[in-house]
Protein backbone atom coordinates (compact mmCIF):
# COMPACT_ATOMS: atom_id res chain seq x y z
CA MET A 1 81.85 110.75 67.64
CA LEU A 2 81.05 113.94 65.84
CA LEU A 3 79.07 116.33 68.02
CA THR A 4 76.14 116.34 65.59
CA ASP A 5 76.02 112.52 65.72
CA ALA A 6 76.41 112.27 69.50
CA ILE A 7 73.32 114.34 70.29
CA ARG A 8 69.80 113.54 69.15
CA LYS A 9 67.09 116.19 69.06
CA THR A 10 64.20 113.83 68.37
CA ASN A 11 62.51 111.20 70.52
CA ASP A 12 62.21 107.52 69.64
CA LEU A 13 59.30 108.27 67.31
CA GLY A 14 61.32 110.88 65.42
CA VAL A 15 59.38 113.81 66.90
CA GLU A 16 61.38 116.92 67.80
CA SER A 17 62.26 116.77 71.46
CA THR A 18 64.77 117.96 74.05
CA PRO A 19 68.40 116.98 73.31
CA ARG A 20 69.74 113.62 74.49
CA LEU A 21 72.79 111.48 73.83
CA ASN A 22 72.55 109.08 70.91
CA LEU A 23 72.53 105.45 72.13
CA LEU A 24 73.11 104.03 68.63
CA ASP A 25 76.88 104.14 69.15
CA ALA A 26 76.46 100.88 71.12
CA GLY A 27 78.04 102.22 74.27
CA TYR A 28 81.44 102.64 75.83
CA ASP A 29 81.63 99.38 77.83
CA GLY A 30 82.04 96.81 75.12
CA PHE A 31 84.86 94.29 74.83
CA TYR A 32 87.19 97.16 75.70
CA PRO A 33 86.52 100.92 76.03
CA GLU A 34 87.13 102.54 72.65
CA LEU A 35 87.97 106.21 73.06
CA ALA A 36 87.61 106.92 69.38
CA LYS A 37 87.61 105.38 65.94
CA THR A 38 88.02 106.61 62.39
CA ILE A 39 85.26 105.79 59.92
CA GLY A 40 85.31 107.13 56.39
CA GLY A 41 88.10 109.53 57.24
CA LYS A 42 86.13 111.05 60.12
CA ASN A 43 87.21 110.85 63.75
CA PHE A 44 84.42 109.68 66.06
CA GLU A 45 84.91 110.52 69.75
CA LYS A 46 83.13 107.55 71.29
CA TRP A 47 83.96 108.50 74.88
CA MET A 48 81.41 111.33 74.77
CA ASN A 49 78.58 108.79 74.80
CA ASN A 50 79.68 107.74 78.27
CA ALA A 51 78.63 111.05 79.82
CA ALA A 52 76.20 110.34 82.68
CA TYR A 53 72.95 112.04 83.62
CA VAL A 54 73.30 114.19 86.76
CA SER A 55 70.08 115.42 88.33
CA ASN A 56 69.41 119.12 88.86
CA ASN A 57 67.15 120.97 91.26
CA ILE A 58 63.62 121.49 89.98
CA ILE A 59 62.18 124.92 89.29
CA PRO A 60 58.60 125.46 90.52
CA ILE A 61 56.35 127.80 88.54
CA VAL A 62 52.88 128.73 89.78
CA VAL A 63 50.49 128.58 86.83
CA ARG A 64 47.27 129.29 88.76
CA THR A 65 46.63 130.54 92.30
CA PRO A 66 43.51 129.59 94.33
CA LYS A 67 40.33 131.34 93.16
CA MET A 68 39.47 132.28 96.75
CA PHE A 69 42.00 135.12 96.49
CA ASP A 70 40.28 136.50 93.37
CA VAL A 71 36.79 136.80 94.86
CA LEU A 72 37.77 138.87 97.90
CA ALA A 73 36.18 142.32 97.86
CA ASP A 74 39.48 143.83 98.95
CA ALA A 75 41.43 143.62 95.66
CA THR A 76 44.66 144.76 97.33
CA LEU A 77 44.41 141.93 99.86
CA GLY A 78 43.68 139.45 97.08
CA ALA A 79 46.76 140.55 95.12
CA ARG A 80 48.91 140.30 98.24
CA LEU A 81 47.64 136.77 98.94
CA ARG A 82 48.38 135.70 95.35
CA ASN A 83 51.95 136.98 95.61
CA LEU A 84 52.31 135.36 99.02
CA TYR A 85 51.09 132.04 97.61
CA ILE A 86 53.68 132.19 94.82
CA ALA A 87 56.48 132.90 97.30
CA VAL A 88 55.41 130.18 99.75
CA MET A 89 55.08 127.57 97.01
CA THR A 90 58.25 128.39 95.08
CA HIS A 91 61.01 130.40 96.82
CA ILE A 92 60.57 129.70 100.53
CA PRO A 93 60.64 125.86 100.82
CA LEU A 94 63.93 124.33 101.95
CA THR A 95 63.21 121.16 99.99
CA ILE A 96 60.55 120.02 97.52
CA THR A 97 60.38 116.25 97.07
CA GLY A 98 58.05 113.44 96.03
CA PHE A 99 58.10 113.72 92.22
CA GLU A 100 57.83 110.33 90.55
CA ALA A 101 56.84 109.13 87.09
CA THR A 102 58.21 105.57 87.07
CA VAL A 103 56.31 103.28 84.68
CA THR A 104 55.99 99.65 85.80
CA LEU A 105 54.12 96.55 84.63
CA GLU A 106 52.13 93.97 86.55
CA THR A 107 52.09 90.38 85.33
CA ALA A 108 50.15 87.16 85.74
CA GLU A 109 52.13 83.91 85.77
CA HIS A 110 51.40 80.44 84.44
CA ARG A 111 53.54 77.33 84.19
CA ALA A 112 55.93 76.84 81.28
CA GLY A 113 56.97 73.20 81.34
CA ALA A 114 57.98 70.92 84.20
CA ALA A 115 61.30 72.57 85.13
CA GLY A 116 59.72 75.41 87.11
CA GLU A 117 59.87 78.13 84.49
CA LEU A 118 57.01 80.61 84.39
CA HIS A 119 55.44 82.43 81.48
CA GLU A 120 54.44 85.98 82.46
CA GLU A 121 51.58 87.86 80.81
CA PHE A 122 51.41 91.64 81.16
CA THR A 123 48.13 92.64 82.82
CA LYS A 124 48.49 96.30 83.78
CA ALA A 125 50.75 99.32 83.27
CA SER A 126 51.07 101.83 86.12
CA ARG A 127 52.88 105.07 86.80
CA SER A 128 54.13 106.05 90.25
CA ARG A 129 52.14 108.81 91.93
CA THR A 130 53.70 112.14 92.73
CA ARG A 131 53.29 113.00 96.41
CA ILE A 132 54.60 116.52 96.91
CA THR A 133 56.20 117.27 100.27
CA LYS A 134 57.74 120.64 101.11
CA THR A 135 59.83 121.47 104.16
CA TYR A 136 59.92 124.93 105.68
CA VAL A 137 61.70 126.64 108.53
CA GLU A 138 59.11 128.83 110.24
CA LYS A 139 59.85 132.55 110.16
CA LEU A 140 59.61 135.15 112.91
CA GLY A 141 55.97 135.63 113.91
CA LYS A 142 54.96 132.27 112.34
CA PRO A 143 53.67 133.65 109.01
CA LEU A 144 53.87 130.26 107.28
CA ASN A 145 51.56 128.56 109.75
CA ARG A 146 49.15 131.48 109.62
CA PHE A 147 49.03 131.41 105.82
CA PHE A 148 48.41 127.67 105.51
CA ASP A 149 45.89 127.90 108.35
CA PHE A 150 44.03 130.60 106.40
CA ILE A 151 43.89 128.51 103.22
CA ILE A 152 42.63 125.44 105.09
CA ARG A 153 40.08 127.12 107.38
CA TYR A 154 38.71 129.68 104.93
CA GLY A 155 39.02 127.72 101.70
CA ILE A 156 38.57 124.06 102.66
CA LYS A 157 37.22 123.29 106.14
CA ASP A 158 37.27 124.94 109.56
CA PRO A 159 37.69 122.48 112.48
CA ASP A 160 34.86 124.03 114.50
CA THR A 161 32.23 124.59 111.82
CA GLN A 162 33.39 121.77 109.47
CA SER A 163 32.78 124.14 106.57
CA PRO A 164 34.92 126.81 104.85
CA LEU A 165 34.82 130.28 106.37
CA LEU A 166 35.17 132.01 102.98
CA THR A 167 31.46 132.78 102.95
CA THR A 168 31.86 134.88 106.11
CA LEU A 169 34.04 137.38 104.21
CA THR A 170 32.94 140.19 101.92
CA LEU A 171 33.24 138.85 98.37
CA THR A 172 33.08 140.49 94.94
CA ASP A 173 29.83 138.67 94.14
CA ASN A 174 27.27 136.56 95.95
CA SER A 175 27.57 133.49 93.75
CA LEU A 176 28.37 131.21 96.68
CA GLU A 177 25.52 132.71 98.67
CA LYS A 178 23.19 131.94 95.75
CA GLY A 179 24.25 128.31 95.79
CA GLU A 180 27.23 128.15 93.42
CA LEU A 181 29.32 125.11 94.22
CA LEU A 182 32.60 125.65 96.04
CA THR A 183 34.66 123.81 93.44
CA PRO A 184 38.30 122.77 94.11
CA ASP A 185 39.68 125.67 92.07
CA TYR A 186 38.69 127.97 94.95
CA TYR A 187 41.26 126.43 97.32
CA THR A 188 43.80 124.66 95.11
CA GLY A 189 46.53 125.87 92.77
CA SER A 190 48.19 124.56 89.61
CA ILE A 191 51.99 124.35 89.62
CA LEU A 192 54.50 123.35 86.96
CA TYR A 193 57.71 121.78 88.23
CA LEU A 194 60.54 121.46 85.72
CA GLU A 195 64.01 119.97 85.95
CA PRO A 196 66.40 121.75 83.57
CA ASP A 197 69.72 120.52 82.27
CA MET A 198 72.99 121.82 83.69
CA ILE A 199 72.87 125.02 81.64
CA ASN A 200 69.19 125.75 82.38
CA LYS A 201 68.36 125.65 78.68
CA ASN A 202 66.63 122.32 78.10
CA VAL A 203 63.86 120.53 80.01
CA VAL A 204 64.90 117.11 81.32
CA GLU A 205 61.76 116.30 83.31
CA ALA A 206 58.51 118.15 83.90
CA TYR A 207 55.53 117.60 86.18
CA TYR A 208 52.30 119.54 85.77
CA CYS A 209 50.38 119.37 89.05
CA VAL A 210 46.77 120.46 89.52
CA ASN A 211 44.53 120.24 92.59
CA VAL A 212 47.51 121.29 94.75
CA ALA A 213 46.52 122.03 98.37
CA PRO A 214 48.21 121.65 101.78
CA LYS A 215 47.17 118.67 103.92
CA SER A 216 48.40 120.42 107.06
CA ALA A 217 49.11 123.94 108.29
CA GLY A 218 52.23 122.77 110.10
CA GLU A 219 52.58 121.42 113.62
CA VAL A 220 51.58 123.82 116.40
CA VAL A 221 53.02 122.87 119.82
CA SER A 222 54.27 124.86 122.81
CA LYS A 223 55.99 123.93 126.08
CA ARG A 224 57.77 125.23 129.16
CA ASP A 225 61.24 123.97 130.11
CA LEU A 226 63.44 126.45 131.98
CA GLY A 227 66.44 124.18 131.65
CA ALA A 228 66.39 124.13 127.85
CA GLY A 229 66.90 126.72 125.19
CA GLY A 230 64.38 127.74 122.58
CA GLU A 231 64.00 125.85 119.33
CA THR A 232 63.45 126.70 115.70
CA LYS A 233 60.46 125.08 114.05
CA GLU A 234 60.60 123.06 110.83
CA TYR A 235 57.47 121.94 108.99
CA SER A 236 57.12 119.02 106.60
CA ILE A 237 53.88 119.63 104.71
CA GLU A 238 52.39 117.19 102.20
CA PHE A 239 50.26 118.49 99.34
CA THR A 240 47.53 116.90 97.30
CA SER A 241 48.05 116.79 93.55
CA ILE A 242 46.96 115.23 90.29
CA THR A 243 50.07 115.06 88.13
CA ARG A 244 50.70 114.76 84.42
CA SER A 245 54.14 114.03 82.99
CA GLY A 246 55.66 112.62 79.83
CA GLU A 247 56.79 113.73 76.39
CA ALA A 248 53.93 116.15 75.65
CA ILE A 249 54.36 117.83 79.04
CA ARG A 250 58.11 118.20 78.48
CA ARG A 251 57.58 119.75 75.04
CA SER A 252 55.07 122.24 76.40
CA THR A 253 57.30 123.05 79.37
CA GLN A 254 60.19 123.73 77.01
CA LEU A 255 58.14 126.66 75.64
CA VAL A 256 57.99 128.04 79.18
CA LEU A 257 61.70 127.56 79.85
CA ASP A 258 62.55 129.23 76.53
CA ARG A 259 60.94 132.44 77.79
CA MET A 260 62.71 132.47 81.15
CA SER A 261 65.87 134.56 81.44
CA ILE A 262 67.86 132.19 83.66
CA PHE A 263 70.31 130.94 81.04
CA ASP A 264 72.73 133.79 81.77
CA LYS A 265 72.13 134.19 85.53
CA SER A 266 75.48 134.71 87.24
CA PRO A 267 76.60 135.98 90.65
CA ASP A 268 79.31 137.83 88.74
CA LYS A 269 76.69 139.80 86.78
CA ASN A 270 73.59 139.88 88.98
CA GLU A 271 74.68 141.76 92.06
CA ILE A 272 72.58 141.52 95.23
CA VAL A 273 72.42 144.87 97.00
CA ALA A 274 70.14 146.74 99.37
CA ILE A 275 67.75 148.75 97.20
CA HIS A 276 65.33 151.36 98.50
CA ASP A 277 63.52 152.16 95.27
CA ASP A 278 60.25 150.25 95.68
CA GLU A 279 59.60 149.52 91.99
CA LEU A 280 63.15 148.36 91.37
CA ALA A 281 63.14 146.29 94.54
CA ARG A 282 59.95 144.57 93.45
CA SER A 283 61.38 143.80 90.03
CA LEU A 284 64.42 142.18 91.61
CA SER A 285 62.42 140.28 94.22
CA ASN A 286 61.47 137.59 91.69
CA GLU A 287 64.08 134.87 91.55
CA PHE A 288 63.46 134.31 87.86
CA SER A 289 62.46 137.03 85.44
CA PHE A 290 60.99 136.56 81.97
CA ASN A 291 62.17 137.93 78.68
CA GLU A 292 58.63 138.91 77.70
CA GLU A 293 55.46 138.56 79.76
CA PRO A 294 55.39 136.76 83.14
CA VAL A 295 54.53 133.08 83.40
CA SER A 296 51.01 133.89 84.59
CA ALA A 297 50.28 134.94 81.01
CA PHE A 298 50.83 131.39 79.73
CA GLU A 299 47.54 129.64 79.04
CA ILE A 300 48.47 126.23 80.45
CA ASN A 301 45.45 124.03 81.06
CA ASP A 302 44.07 120.61 80.24
CA ASN A 303 42.57 121.83 76.96
CA THR A 304 45.59 123.51 75.36
CA ALA A 305 49.33 123.08 75.53
CA PHE A 306 49.45 120.04 77.78
CA ASN A 307 47.25 117.95 75.56
CA SER A 308 49.11 118.81 72.37
């Protein structure tokens, strides 16, 4: 098949979309596998339509950090906590799992004749829920546990007081003191997770998750056993989330991926060295840089791109 015929750049409704193989060739596994055929003097390489989808690792992008960092009177501390949140949610996890968007149908059955056949009526369509779980290996000094503990106790609920301790800190305004509601945006973040194709140029799947918050700070246990060696600590932390996915999300996410300079990332070109210049070190500390402004500049919310 000609390359232009093998790849479609529209979805099933004819709307411009991310590239995909054209299924109209009727497949490779017919009566016998045709490698190619000539139609109208043109050679069609049919074997290309047999190329299989191979999953790739997702890329997490923090769209919004918890508001509790923004209202701290110490602006330097707030900025540090925002950067720490981005690192903990994107670059530090060993694994990030739980993303699902499988659409299924429920049916009701009634008899169709005397032979035992059943007629099924479709009663409900559902989509699998995304349940984000991230695994971490704790670092020296237990900074991961301390960070998640801070978010939970100061932003959500302290075990002793059963209320958030944020109000005990010096804040930029006294809105909470005056009775402003502690809405979920204070302690949750919004994160975009995208799965690119093998060349990091096209979005294959995308999940836009809001109301993201840890359900645990990580297990805290200690012991004494002189006959055993010490142990490293691994956390498996589940996060809350409300997730949107689908064609509109993928199209909007493609705009984000288009502005990320990861297409030409190469260990042969991007050397990792010890750098002592602070500004340069900071610029290289981000795993993914952007051709123009950083991702935080993208206005991604329920009223704009993701409802287009």
